[in-house]
Amino acid sequence: LIAASGMAGYGKSNEIQTRKITPHFY
């Protein structure tokens, strides 16, 4: 499962990141 949280506005691009939460959840 690959979910998303936080992408509003026009903030810094590098603040958008990919994180591994559990072995099957990102």
PDB file of all heavy atoms in Angstrom:
ATOM      1  N   LEU A   1       0.847  -1.195   0.000  1.00  0.00           N
ATOM      2  CA  LEU A   1       0.000   0.000   0.000  1.00  0.00           C
ATOM      3  C   LEU A   1       0.880   1.242   0.000  1.00  0.00           C
ATOM      4  O   LEU A   1       1.785   1.374   0.834  1.00  0.00           O
ATOM      5  CB  LEU A   1      -0.908  -0.005   1.225  1.00  0.00           C
ATOM      6  CG  LEU A   1      -1.778   1.226   1.444  1.00  0.00           C
ATOM      7  CD1 LEU A   1      -2.786   1.396   0.314  1.00  0.00           C
ATOM      8  CD2 LEU A   1      -2.495   1.148   2.785  1.00  0.00           C
ATOM      9  N   ILE A   2       0.602   2.146  -0.939  1.00  0.00           N
ATOM     10  CA  ILE A   2       1.346   3.399  -1.046  1.00  0.00           C
ATOM     11  C   ILE A   2       0.347   4.544  -0.912  1.00  0.00           C
ATOM     12  O   ILE A   2      -0.452   4.790  -1.818  1.00  0.00           O
ATOM     13  CB  ILE A   2       2.105   3.479  -2.378  1.00  0.00           C
ATOM     14  CG1 ILE A   2       3.046   2.279  -2.526  1.00  0.00           C
ATOM     15  CG2 ILE A   2       2.886   4.790  -2.474  1.00  0.00           C
ATOM     16  CD1 ILE A   2       3.657   2.137  -3.892  1.00  0.00           C
ATOM     17  N   ALA A   3       0.388   5.225   0.221  1.00  0.00           N
ATOM     18  CA  ALA A   3      -0.578   6.281   0.523  1.00  0.00           C
ATOM     19  C   ALA A   3       0.092   7.642   0.449  1.00  0.00           C
ATOM     20  O   ALA A   3       1.308   7.758   0.263  1.00  0.00           O
ATOM     21  CB  ALA A   3      -1.180   6.045   1.904  1.00  0.00           C
ATOM     22  N   ALA A   4      -0.723   8.692   0.600  1.00  0.00           N
ATOM     23  CA  ALA A   4      -0.207  10.061   0.513  1.00  0.00           C
ATOM     24  C   ALA A   4      -0.804  10.928   1.608  1.00  0.00           C
ATOM     25  O   ALA A   4      -1.970  10.774   1.971  1.00  0.00           O
ATOM     26  CB  ALA A   4      -0.524  10.664  -0.851  1.00  0.00           C
ATOM     27  N   SER A   5       0.021  11.859   2.108  1.00  0.00           N
ATOM     28  CA  SER A   5      -0.448  12.806   3.119  1.00  0.00           C
ATOM     29  C   SER A   5       0.403  14.065   3.061  1.00  0.00           C
ATOM     30  O   SER A   5       1.610  14.014   3.293  1.00  0.00           O
ATOM     31  CB  SER A   5      -0.358  12.189   4.523  1.00  0.00           C
ATOM     32  OG  SER A   5      -0.732  13.131   5.507  1.00  0.00           O
ATOM     33  N   GLY A   6      -0.237  15.185   2.716  1.00  0.00           N
ATOM     34  CA  GLY A   6       0.460  16.466   2.718  1.00  0.00           C
ATOM     35  C   GLY A   6       1.076  16.830   1.384  1.00  0.00           C
ATOM     36  O   GLY A   6       2.188  16.414   1.062  1.00  0.00           O
ATOM     37  N   MET A   7       0.335  17.630   0.574  1.00  0.00           N
ATOM     38  CA  MET A   7       0.879  18.098  -0.702  1.00  0.00           C
ATOM     39  C   MET A   7       0.247  19.419  -1.125  1.00  0.00           C
ATOM     40  O   MET A   7       0.300  19.801  -2.282  1.00  0.00           O
ATOM     41  CB  MET A   7       0.662  17.053  -1.803  1.00  0.00           C
ATOM     42  CG  MET A   7      -0.736  16.945  -2.309  1.00  0.00           C
ATOM     43  SD  MET A   7      -1.871  15.655  -1.797  1.00  0.00           S
ATOM     44  CE  MET A   7      -1.140  14.539  -0.766  1.00  0.00           C
ATOM     45  N   ALA A   8      -0.346  20.127  -0.183  1.00  0.00           N
ATOM     46  CA  ALA A   8      -1.062  21.360  -0.514  1.00  0.00           C
ATOM     47  C   ALA A   8      -0.111  22.534  -0.721  1.00  0.00           C
ATOM     48  O   ALA A   8       1.043  22.512  -0.293  1.00  0.00           O
ATOM     49  CB  ALA A   8      -2.063  21.699   0.596  1.00  0.00           C
ATOM     50  N   GLY A   9      -0.630  23.556  -1.376  1.00  0.00           N
ATOM     51  CA  GLY A   9       0.090  24.810  -1.533  1.00  0.00           C
ATOM     52  C   GLY A   9       1.227  24.755  -2.525  1.00  0.00           C
ATOM     53  O   GLY A   9       1.212  23.994  -3.482  1.00  0.00           O
ATOM     54  N   TYR A  10       2.234  25.596  -2.267  1.00  0.00           N
ATOM     55  CA  TYR A  10       3.362  25.743  -3.182  1.00  0.00           C
ATOM     56  C   TYR A  10       4.665  25.784  -2.390  1.00  0.00           C
ATOM     57  O   TYR A  10       5.592  26.523  -2.711  1.00  0.00           O
ATOM     58  CB  TYR A  10       3.206  27.007  -4.033  1.00  0.00           C
ATOM     59  CG  TYR A  10       2.793  28.233  -3.233  1.00  0.00           C
ATOM     60  CD1 TYR A  10       3.751  29.084  -2.686  1.00  0.00           C
ATOM     61  CD2 TYR A  10       1.451  28.501  -3.001  1.00  0.00           C
ATOM     62  CE1 TYR A  10       3.378  30.181  -1.937  1.00  0.00           C
ATOM     63  CE2 TYR A  10       1.073  29.599  -2.259  1.00  0.00           C
ATOM     64  CZ  TYR A  10       2.032  30.448  -1.714  1.00  0.00           C
ATOM     65  OH  TYR A  10       1.651  31.526  -0.960  1.00  0.00           O
ATOM     66  N   GLY A  11       4.732  24.982  -1.329  1.00  0.00           N
ATOM     67  CA  GLY A  11       5.916  24.945  -0.478  1.00  0.00           C
ATOM     68  C   GLY A  11       7.101  24.284  -1.148  1.00  0.00           C
ATOM     69  O   GLY A  11       7.083  23.936  -2.324  1.00  0.00           O
ATOM     70  N   LYS A  12       8.141  24.069  -0.362  1.00  0.00           N
ATOM     71  CA  LYS A  12       9.397  23.525  -0.885  1.00  0.00           C
ATOM     72  C   LYS A  12       9.189  22.124  -1.457  1.00  0.00           C
ATOM     73  O   LYS A  12       8.631  21.250  -0.805  1.00  0.00           O
ATOM     74  CB  LYS A  12      10.435  23.500   0.229  1.00  0.00           C
ATOM     75  CG  LYS A  12      10.840  24.885   0.701  1.00  0.00           C
ATOM     76  CD  LYS A  12      11.868  24.812   1.822  1.00  0.00           C
ATOM     77  CE  LYS A  12      12.258  26.221   2.286  1.00  0.00           C
ATOM     78  NZ  LYS A  12      13.222  26.165   3.415  1.00  0.00           N
ATOM     79  N   SER A  13       9.711  21.929  -2.636  1.00  0.00           N
ATOM     80  CA  SER A  13       9.546  20.643  -3.317  1.00  0.00           C
ATOM     81  C   SER A  13      10.167  19.496  -2.536  1.00  0.00           C
ATOM     82  O   SER A  13       9.618  18.387  -2.480  1.00  0.00           O
ATOM     83  CB  SER A  13      10.178  20.700  -4.716  1.00  0.00           C
ATOM     84  OG  SER A  13       9.533  21.664  -5.513  1.00  0.00           O
ATOM     85  N   ASN A  14      11.325  19.736  -1.917  1.00  0.00           N
ATOM     86  CA  ASN A  14      12.047  18.658  -1.247  1.00  0.00           C
ATOM     87  C   ASN A  14      11.402  18.209   0.061  1.00  0.00           C
ATOM     88  O   ASN A  14      11.849  17.224   0.663  1.00  0.00           O
ATOM     89  CB  ASN A  14      13.496  19.072  -0.989  1.00  0.00           C
ATOM     90  CG  ASN A  14      14.299  19.156  -2.262  1.00  0.00           C
ATOM     91  OD1 ASN A  14      13.915  18.612  -3.293  1.00  0.00           O
ATOM     92  ND2 ASN A  14      15.422  19.859  -2.215  1.00  0.00           N
ATOM     93  N   GLU A  15      10.358  18.910   0.480  1.00  0.00           N
ATOM     94  CA  GLU A  15       9.627  18.451   1.657  1.00  0.00           C
ATOM     95  C   GLU A  15       8.705  17.282   1.326  1.00  0.00           C
ATOM     96  O   GLU A  15       8.237  16.576   2.216  1.00  0.00           O
ATOM     97  CB  GLU A  15       8.822  19.604   2.265  1.00  0.00           C
ATOM     98  CG  GLU A  15       9.715  20.660   2.912  1.00  0.00           C
ATOM     99  CD  GLU A  15       8.927  21.840   3.462  1.00  0.00           C
ATOM    100  OE1 GLU A  15       7.705  21.913   3.195  1.00  0.00           O
ATOM    101  OE2 GLU A  15       9.532  22.689   4.133  1.00  0.00           O
ATOM    102  N   ILE A  16       8.407  17.087   0.051  1.00  0.00           N
ATOM    103  CA  ILE A  16       7.656  15.899  -0.381  1.00  0.00           C
ATOM    104  C   ILE A  16       8.628  14.726  -0.382  1.00  0.00           C
ATOM    105  O   ILE A  16       9.611  14.725  -1.119  1.00  0.00           O
ATOM    106  CB  ILE A  16       7.072  16.093  -1.798  1.00  0.00           C
ATOM    107  CG1 ILE A  16       6.170  17.320  -1.852  1.00  0.00           C
ATOM    108  CG2 ILE A  16       6.325  14.837  -2.243  1.00  0.00           C
ATOM    109  CD1 ILE A  16       4.872  17.186  -1.112  1.00  0.00           C
ATOM    110  N   GLN A  17       8.370  13.750   0.473  1.00  0.00           N
ATOM    111  CA  GLN A  17       9.276  12.612   0.612  1.00  0.00           C
ATOM    112  C   GLN A  17       8.498  11.299   0.638  1.00  0.00           C
ATOM    113  O   GLN A  17       7.283  11.278   0.814  1.00  0.00           O
ATOM    114  CB  GLN A  17      10.100  12.742   1.899  1.00  0.00           C
ATOM    115  CG  GLN A  17      11.041  13.940   1.900  1.00  0.00           C
ATOM    116  CD  GLN A  17      11.954  13.947   3.102  1.00  0.00           C
ATOM    117  OE1 GLN A  17      11.817  13.147   4.014  1.00  0.00           O
ATOM    118  NE2 GLN A  17      12.912  14.862   3.100  1.00  0.00           N
ATOM    119  N   THR A  18       9.237  10.216   0.452  1.00  0.00           N
ATOM    120  CA  THR A  18       8.685   8.867   0.521  1.00  0.00           C
ATOM    121  C   THR A  18       9.234   8.183   1.769  1.00  0.00           C
ATOM    122  O   THR A  18      10.459   8.130   1.941  1.00  0.00           O
ATOM    123  CB  THR A  18       9.077   8.040  -0.724  1.00  0.00           C
ATOM    124  OG1 THR A  18       8.550   8.683  -1.887  1.00  0.00           O
ATOM    125  CG2 THR A  18       8.531   6.627  -0.637  1.00  0.00           C
ATOM    126  N   ARG A  19       8.341   7.688   2.599  1.00  0.00           N
ATOM    127  CA  ARG A  19       8.759   7.044   3.846  1.00  0.00           C
ATOM    128  C   ARG A  19       8.191   5.631   3.931  1.00  0.00           C
ATOM    129  O   ARG A  19       7.028   5.408   3.604  1.00  0.00           O
ATOM    130  CB  ARG A  19       8.293   7.860   5.053  1.00  0.00           C
ATOM    131  CG  ARG A  19       8.885   9.270   5.107  1.00  0.00           C
ATOM    132  CD  ARG A  19       8.225  10.114   6.188  1.00  0.00           C
ATOM    133  NE  ARG A  19       8.837  11.420   6.292  1.00  0.00           N
ATOM    134  CZ  ARG A  19       8.491  12.478   5.556  1.00  0.00           C
ATOM    135  NH1 ARG A  19       7.535  12.348   4.646  1.00  0.00           N
ATOM    136  NH2 ARG A  19       9.094  13.643   5.699  1.00  0.00           N
ATOM    137  N   LYS A  20       9.002   4.718   4.417  1.00  0.00           N
ATOM    138  CA  LYS A  20       8.568   3.342   4.642  1.00  0.00           C
ATOM    139  C   LYS A  20       8.072   3.231   6.076  1.00  0.00           C
ATOM    140  O   LYS A  20       8.842   3.389   7.021  1.00  0.00           O
ATOM    141  CB  LYS A  20       9.724   2.373   4.388  1.00  0.00           C
ATOM    142  CG  LYS A  20       9.313   0.906   4.422  1.00  0.00           C
ATOM    143  CD  LYS A  20      10.491   0.030   4.003  1.00  0.00           C
ATOM    144  CE  LYS A  20      10.075  -1.424   3.876  1.00  0.00           C
ATOM    145  NZ  LYS A  20      11.212  -2.264   3.390  1.00  0.00           N
ATOM    146  N   ILE A  21       6.778   2.939   6.226  1.00  0.00           N
ATOM    147  CA  ILE A  21       6.175   2.880   7.556  1.00  0.00           C
ATOM    148  C   ILE A  21       6.244   1.458   8.114  1.00  0.00           C
ATOM    149  O   ILE A  21       6.605   1.252   9.267  1.00  0.00           O
ATOM    150  CB  ILE A  21       4.716   3.366   7.510  1.00  0.00           C
ATOM    151  CG1 ILE A  21       4.624   4.739   6.816  1.00  0.00           C
ATOM    152  CG2 ILE A  21       4.131   3.433   8.916  1.00  0.00           C
ATOM    153  CD1 ILE A  21       5.436   5.833   7.454  1.00  0.00           C
ATOM    154  N   THR A  22       5.880   0.487   7.305  1.00  0.00           N
ATOM    155  CA  THR A  22       5.985  -0.929   7.653  1.00  0.00           C
ATOM    156  C   THR A  22       6.499  -1.653   6.404  1.00  0.00           C
ATOM    157  O   THR A  22       6.626  -1.031   5.341  1.00  0.00           O
ATOM    158  CB  THR A  22       4.625  -1.531   8.072  1.00  0.00           C
ATOM    159  OG1 THR A  22       3.786  -1.660   6.914  1.00  0.00           O
ATOM    160  CG2 THR A  22       3.931  -0.661   9.116  1.00  0.00           C
ATOM    161  N   PRO A  23       6.783  -2.967   6.489  1.00  0.00           N
ATOM    162  CA  PRO A  23       7.300  -3.657   5.292  1.00  0.00           C
ATOM    163  C   PRO A  23       6.418  -3.555   4.055  1.00  0.00           C
ATOM    164  O   PRO A  23       6.925  -3.649   2.931  1.00  0.00           O
ATOM    165  CB  PRO A  23       7.416  -5.112   5.772  1.00  0.00           C
ATOM    166  CG  PRO A  23       7.692  -4.997   7.219  1.00  0.00           C
ATOM    167  CD  PRO A  23       6.868  -3.826   7.682  1.00  0.00           C
ATOM    168  N   HIS A  24       5.106  -3.327   4.230  1.00  0.00           N
ATOM    169  CA  HIS A  24       4.210  -3.258   3.077  1.00  0.00           C
ATOM    170  C   HIS A  24       3.426  -1.938   3.006  1.00  0.00           C
ATOM    171  O   HIS A  24       2.449  -1.852   2.267  1.00  0.00           O
ATOM    172  CB  HIS A  24       3.225  -4.425   3.105  1.00  0.00           C
ATOM    173  CG  HIS A  24       3.877  -5.761   2.947  1.00  0.00           C
ATOM    174  ND1 HIS A  24       4.365  -6.210   1.739  1.00  0.00           N
ATOM    175  CD2 HIS A  24       4.137  -6.731   3.854  1.00  0.00           C
ATOM    176  CE1 HIS A  24       4.895  -7.409   1.907  1.00  0.00           C
ATOM    177  NE2 HIS A  24       4.774  -7.748   3.180  1.00  0.00           N
ATOM    178  N   PHE A  25       3.850  -0.933   3.757  1.00  0.00           N
ATOM    179  CA  PHE A  25       3.105   0.331   3.801  1.00  0.00           C
ATOM    180  C   PHE A  25       4.072   1.499   3.687  1.00  0.00           C
ATOM    181  O   PHE A  25       5.002   1.642   4.490  1.00  0.00           O
ATOM    182  CB  PHE A  25       2.300   0.417   5.091  1.00  0.00           C
ATOM    183  CG  PHE A  25       1.552   1.711   5.282  1.00  0.00           C
ATOM    184  CD1 PHE A  25       0.972   2.376   4.207  1.00  0.00           C
ATOM    185  CD2 PHE A  25       1.412   2.268   6.550  1.00  0.00           C
ATOM    186  CE1 PHE A  25       0.287   3.570   4.383  1.00  0.00           C
ATOM    187  CE2 PHE A  25       0.717   3.446   6.735  1.00  0.00           C
ATOM    188  CZ  PHE A  25       0.153   4.102   5.659  1.00  0.00           C
ATOM    189  N   TYR A  26       3.824   2.341   2.671  1.00  0.00           N
ATOM    190  CA  TYR A  26       4.653   3.517   2.424  1.00  0.00           C
ATOM    191  C   TYR A  26       3.768   4.764   2.432  1.00  0.00           C
ATOM    192  O   TYR A  26       2.585   4.704   2.076  1.00  0.00           O
ATOM    193  CB  TYR A  26       5.343   3.417   1.071  1.00  0.00           C
ATOM    194  CG  TYR A  26       6.279   2.239   0.946  1.00  0.00           C
ATOM    195  CD1 TYR A  26       5.781   0.961   0.675  1.00  0.00           C
ATOM    196  CD2 TYR A  26       7.656   2.398   1.071  1.00  0.00           C
ATOM    197  CE1 TYR A  26       6.640  -0.126   0.548  1.00  0.00           C
ATOM    198  CE2 TYR A  26       8.524   1.321   0.938  1.00  0.00           C
ATOM    199  CZ  TYR A  26       7.999   0.057   0.680  1.00  0.00           C
ATOM    200  OH  TYR A  26       8.843  -1.016   0.561  1.00  0.00           O
TER     201      TYR A  26
END
